[in-house]
């Protein structure tokens, strides 16, 4: 494994999985890597040329991975990944080996941009159609949960409701699983529980995390009533600053991972909003990103990140998760 430099964090890559040129450049980066918590690039799904079978795959009798056109969101269902690809107008299921195992029917979705695995099925924000659609486990449309929305984006669910960001209306919708809006949180502004083109959403227990994109922050709310609790992040390019939030995930250790599509990196915070570190940076090598968008934390500790312009999903993992909470600065 090879360590790559990152501000306050180290990034590990399994060198045998990648070309020797990449490994050589990673080794050079390792010479200046700072000590600290480390993140492993566990596997990569897709990327340019993913649809072509390599010699290694041919010798092993494996089929090539399916190509992604412009992936935008990801969710875990067990050890499988569901990927929303709005350019292709579909949601795709991949198994643990990166093989396509099904997709939503042609024409069922126009521009799926976010998705969440719920106990009733898979909830999908179709931003182009202005709808929230529930798919069954075979990715077939079951019912429309909400429609005539002004650019629905980020989505999450708990045992009672589906939470959806209506970006162009600057608020969060609480949607019933049988369909219909139960209540609405927020309005446009830059104060507490106010938003400016929010676009990302995650649940952390009974709290809702809203990526308030053009206010350059994440707001933490009480999910039951939208009551403001705290916020973190701000405009800038220093560590922990978040000029273009596109995705939020909370891992099993309570750490919040935020994708930033302007800086092509991931910022990681603790539950109190203190910065633990940043990883990534622009590029196409393992651990680098080009417009990171959706992100999802899996039950086994893996964090899947949509590397949208590189047309791939990178799965990362903390190599020493216990040490991570003691590293980095605070805000």
Foldseek 3Di string as FASTA:
>chain_A
DAWAAFFQETEAEPVVVDDVVLVVVSNVRRVPHDDAWYKYQPDKAAFPPQQPDDPVCVVVVHHGADFADFWFAWEDDALKIWIFRLVQFKIWIAHNVRHTDAMEDPPPARGFHYWEQAPQAIWTFRQVQQWIFGAHPRNYTDGTQDHPAQGWAAWYDDNFWIWIDRQVQFWIFTTGPVHDTPDIWEGDDLDFSHAHRWHEWDDDPQWIWIRRACQFKIWIARNVHRHTDDIEAHDDDPARHANGWAYWEAEPQQKIWTAHQVQQKIWIAHNVHFTLGIWEGDDQRPRHAHRWHYWYYDPVAWIWICRGVSRMITIMGTPCVVRSVVTDGTD
